[in-house]
Each structure stands twice: as structure tokens, then as C-alpha cells.
C-alpha atoms as a PDB file:
ATOM      1  CA  MET A   1       0.100   0.102  -0.086  1.00  0.00           C
ATOM      2  CA  THR A   2       1.244   3.618  -0.765  1.00  0.00           C
ATOM      3  CA  ILE A   3       2.030   6.264   1.786  1.00  0.00           C
ATOM      4  CA  ALA A   4      -0.806   8.119  -0.547  1.00  0.00           C
ATOM      5  CA  MET A   5      -3.396   5.321  -0.256  1.00  0.00           C
ATOM      6  CA  LEU A   6      -2.533   4.735   3.816  1.00  0.00           C
ATOM      7  CA  LEU A   7      -3.011   8.428   4.532  1.00  0.00           C
ATOM      8  CA  LYS A   8      -6.286   8.323   2.582  1.00  0.00           C
ATOM      9  CA  ASN A   9      -8.347   5.306   4.423  1.00  0.00           C
ATOM     10  CA  THR A  10      -6.572   6.751   7.422  1.00  0.00           C
ATOM     11  CA  LEU A  11      -8.589  10.573   7.334  1.00  0.00           C
ATOM     12  CA  HIS A  12     -11.260   8.079   5.918  1.00  0.00           C
ATOM     13  CA  ALA A  13     -11.385   6.143   9.148  1.00  0.00           C
ATOM     14  CA  ALA A  14     -10.947   9.165  11.328  1.00  0.00           C
ATOM     15  CA  LYS A  15     -14.405  11.507  10.185  1.00  0.00           C
ATOM     16  CA  LYS A  16     -13.691  13.743  12.733  1.00  0.00           C
ATOM     17  CA  ILE A  17     -10.291  15.267  11.477  1.00  0.00           C
ATOM     18  CA  SER A  18     -10.083  18.858   9.867  1.00  0.00           C
ATOM     19  CA  MET A  19      -7.673  19.348   7.508  1.00  0.00           C
ATOM     20  CA  ALA A  20      -7.667  23.514   8.936  1.00  0.00           C
ATOM     21  CA  ASP A  21      -6.500  21.225  11.996  1.00  0.00           C
ATOM     22  CA  LYS A  22      -2.747  22.843  12.486  1.00  0.00           C
ATOM     23  CA  LEU A  23      -0.069  22.644  15.128  1.00  0.00           C
ATOM     24  CA  PRO A  24       2.991  24.679  15.667  1.00  0.00           C
ATOM     25  CA  VAL A  25       5.508  22.047  15.392  1.00  0.00           C
ATOM     26  CA  MET A  26       9.838  23.285  16.427  1.00  0.00           C
ATOM     27  CA  GLU A  27      10.751  20.123  15.454  1.00  0.00           C
ATOM     28  CA  SER A  28      10.269  16.472  14.458  1.00  0.00           C
ATOM     29  CA  PHE A  29      11.986  13.711  13.799  1.00  0.00           C
ATOM     30  CA  TYR A  30      12.835  10.063  13.959  1.00  0.00           C
ATOM     31  CA  THR A  31      15.022   8.488  16.979  1.00  0.00           C
ATOM     32  CA  LEU A  32      15.057   5.693  19.391  1.00  0.00           C
ATOM     33  CA  GLN A  33      13.070   6.304  22.514  1.00  0.00           C
ATOM     34  CA  GLY A  34      15.431   7.479  25.349  1.00  0.00           C
ATOM     35  CA  GLU A  35      13.302   6.912  28.876  1.00  0.00           C
ATOM     36  CA  GLY A  36      10.542   5.020  29.823  1.00  0.00           C
ATOM     37  CA  PHE A  37       8.920   2.102  29.698  1.00  0.00           C
ATOM     38  CA  HIS A  38      10.037   2.129  25.649  1.00  0.00           C
ATOM     39  CA  GLN A  39      13.236   2.753  26.142  1.00  0.00           C
ATOM     40  CA  GLY A  40      15.616   1.960  23.184  1.00  0.00           C
ATOM     41  CA  MET A  41      11.977   1.638  20.563  1.00  0.00           C
ATOM     42  CA  ALA A  42      12.209   3.567  17.331  1.00  0.00           C
ATOM     43  CA  ALA A  43       9.731   6.209  17.775  1.00  0.00           C
ATOM     44  CA  TYR A  44       8.744   9.358  15.721  1.00  0.00           C
ATOM     45  CA  PHE A  45       8.906  12.588  17.460  1.00  0.00           C
ATOM     46  CA  ILE A  46       6.271  15.486  17.157  1.00  0.00           C
ATOM     47  CA  ARG A  47       8.113  18.296  19.649  1.00  0.00           C
ATOM     48  CA  LEU A  48       5.133  21.037  19.507  1.00  0.00           C
ATOM     49  CA  GLY A  49       5.778  24.715  19.897  1.00  0.00           C
ATOM     50  CA  GLY A  50       3.771  26.656  22.928  1.00  0.00           C
ATOM     51  CA  CYS A  51       3.762  26.133  26.196  1.00  0.00           C
ATOM     52  CA  ASP A  52       2.205  27.901  29.633  1.00  0.00           C
ATOM     53  CA  VAL A  53       3.750  26.146  32.339  1.00  0.00           C
ATOM     54  CA  GLY A  54       7.649  27.257  32.138  1.00  0.00           C
ATOM     55  CA  CYS A  55       9.103  25.232  34.589  1.00  0.00           C
ATOM     56  CA  VAL A  56      12.899  26.372  35.159  1.00  0.00           C
ATOM     57  CA  TRP A  57      13.943  22.749  34.861  1.00  0.00           C
ATOM     58  CA  CYS A  58      12.965  22.133  30.885  1.00  0.00           C
ATOM     59  CA  ASP A  59      15.648  22.135  28.236  1.00  0.00           C
ATOM     60  CA  VAL A  60      13.892  22.800  25.261  1.00  0.00           C
ATOM     61  CA  LYS A  61      12.613  25.846  26.211  1.00  0.00           C
ATOM     62  CA  GLU A  62      13.258  27.304  22.785  1.00  0.00           C
ATOM     63  CA  SER A  63       9.935  25.095  21.894  1.00  0.00           C
ATOM     64  CA  TRP A  64       7.531  27.775  24.498  1.00  0.00           C
ATOM     65  CA  PRO A  65       6.903  30.285  21.907  1.00  0.00           C
ATOM     66  CA  ILE A  66       3.692  29.158  20.390  1.00  0.00           C
ATOM     67  CA  ASN A  67       4.277  31.893  17.268  1.00  0.00           C
ATOM     68  CA  ALA A  68       8.176  31.027  16.435  1.00  0.00           C
ATOM     69  CA  HIS A  69       7.351  27.896  15.364  1.00  0.00           C
ATOM     70  CA  PRO A  70       5.206  26.784  11.602  1.00  0.00           C
ATOM     71  CA  LYS A  71       1.851  25.554  11.855  1.00  0.00           C
ATOM     72  CA  LYS A  72       1.217  21.881  10.169  1.00  0.00           C
ATOM     73  CA  SER A  73      -1.850  20.024   9.514  1.00  0.00           C
ATOM     74  CA  VAL A  74      -2.908  16.491  10.748  1.00  0.00           C
ATOM     75  CA  GLU A  75      -2.613  15.054   7.313  1.00  0.00           C
ATOM     76  CA  SER A  76       1.188  16.286   6.911  1.00  0.00           C
ATOM     77  CA  LEU A  77       2.319  15.194  10.067  1.00  0.00           C
ATOM     78  CA  LEU A  78       0.369  12.114   9.146  1.00  0.00           C
ATOM     79  CA  GLN A  79       2.866  11.735   6.428  1.00  0.00           C
ATOM     80  CA  GLU A  80       5.929  12.506   7.921  1.00  0.00           C
ATOM     81  CA  VAL A  81       4.654   9.776  10.451  1.00  0.00           C
ATOM     82  CA  ALA A  82       4.250   6.973   7.352  1.00  0.00           C
ATOM     83  CA  GLY A  83       7.142   8.022   5.625  1.00  0.00           C
ATOM     84  CA  SER A  84       9.633   7.116   9.052  1.00  0.00           C
ATOM     85  CA  GLY A  85       8.270   3.472   9.501  1.00  0.00           C
ATOM     86  CA  SER A  86       8.296   4.086  13.070  1.00  0.00           C
ATOM     87  CA  PRO A  87       5.095   2.034  14.754  1.00  0.00           C
ATOM     88  CA  ASN A  88       5.533   4.298  17.601  1.00  0.00           C
ATOM     89  CA  VAL A  89       4.798   8.449  17.970  1.00  0.00           C
ATOM     90  CA  VAL A  90       5.962  10.371  20.803  1.00  0.00           C
ATOM     91  CA  ILE A  91       3.995  13.589  21.190  1.00  0.00           C
ATOM     92  CA  THR A  92       5.925  16.026  23.250  1.00  0.00           C
ATOM     93  CA  GLY A  93       6.577  19.769  23.308  1.00  0.00           C
ATOM     94  CA  GLY A  94       6.682  22.621  25.047  1.00  0.00           C
ATOM     95  CA  GLU A  95       3.779  21.823  26.660  1.00  0.00           C
ATOM     96  CA  PRO A  96       1.413  19.545  23.878  1.00  0.00           C
ATOM     97  CA  GLY A  97      -1.679  19.258  26.901  1.00  0.00           C
ATOM     98  CA  MET A  98      -2.370  23.301  25.783  1.00  0.00           C
ATOM     99  CA  HIS A  99      -3.240  21.918  22.441  1.00  0.00           C
ATOM    100  CA  ASP A 100      -6.429  19.876  21.308  1.00  0.00           C
ATOM    101  CA  LEU A 101      -4.496  16.538  20.137  1.00  0.00           C
ATOM    102  CA  ARG A 102      -7.132  14.161  19.099  1.00  0.00           C
ATOM    103  CA  PRO A 103      -7.393  14.932  15.693  1.00  0.00           C
ATOM    104  CA  LEU A 104      -3.780  13.985  15.385  1.00  0.00           C
ATOM    105  CA  THR A 105      -3.761  11.233  17.948  1.00  0.00           C
ATOM    106  CA  GLU A 106      -7.032   9.332  16.626  1.00  0.00           C
ATOM    107  CA  ALA A 107      -5.854   9.532  12.960  1.00  0.00           C
ATOM    108  CA  LEU A 108      -2.086   8.630  14.350  1.00  0.00           C
ATOM    109  CA  GLN A 109      -4.099   5.329  16.021  1.00  0.00           C
ATOM    110  CA  ALA A 110      -6.098   5.038  13.154  1.00  0.00           C
ATOM    111  CA  SER A 111      -3.560   4.488  10.747  1.00  0.00           C
ATOM    112  CA  GLY A 112      -1.954   1.897  13.563  1.00  0.00           C
ATOM    113  CA  LYS A 113       0.396   3.614  15.084  1.00  0.00           C
ATOM    114  CA  GLU A 114       1.033   3.630  19.308  1.00  0.00           C
ATOM    115  CA  VAL A 115       0.920   6.914  20.396  1.00  0.00           C
END
């Protein structure tokens, strides 16, 4: 199945997705999970911009300003993840909890990814 076919099937399965849904993305990349239960497993990281908490111990303070990062559509993020081949996706930040992640997480799960 091609990436385009997979994306079409995924978007069809997650009917709540609006192509207008966009998230500020500081960076996204394929790597190995460095900590926690999934340590050592391949994962595709999506680091979102924007933080309304400002923890002093944060190691990515560059992610805090929400308007400093380009906004990406759920569709484009799905294409990136599909192209990576990773079965796992980590959504991090900034503070991801300040965004409505439902459209993205539902689409990722519909495509068989663990989020």
C-alpha cells in the first residue's frame, strides 16, 4: 500500500479530522526512545511549540513561544510519520496539553501507530 493510499484510508477512518487542524511544530524526527517503558524502541517524535507552564528545569525552552514555530496540518504530520516507518509516535513539547491533540492522535491510532 502506498503512503497516499494509507493516508486516504486513515483520514477516512478518523472522520473528525479537519484539514484546517494545524499545530505549531518546533521539530519532528525519527530516533530511539531514550527513557521510560519504551526505552530503546524506534519512535517518531513530534515536538510541539507553545508552553504556558514554563518549568525551570525544561531542556527545550526554545519551544515555549507558540508563534515562533510553523503550523503543520494533521495531514502533513501523518505523511511524515508514515514515511518514517516507525510504529511508535511520541508527541512532546513545549506543553502538548495546551493543544487539542484529538484529531492527530485519532488519525495516528487509526493508521495503526502507537501514540
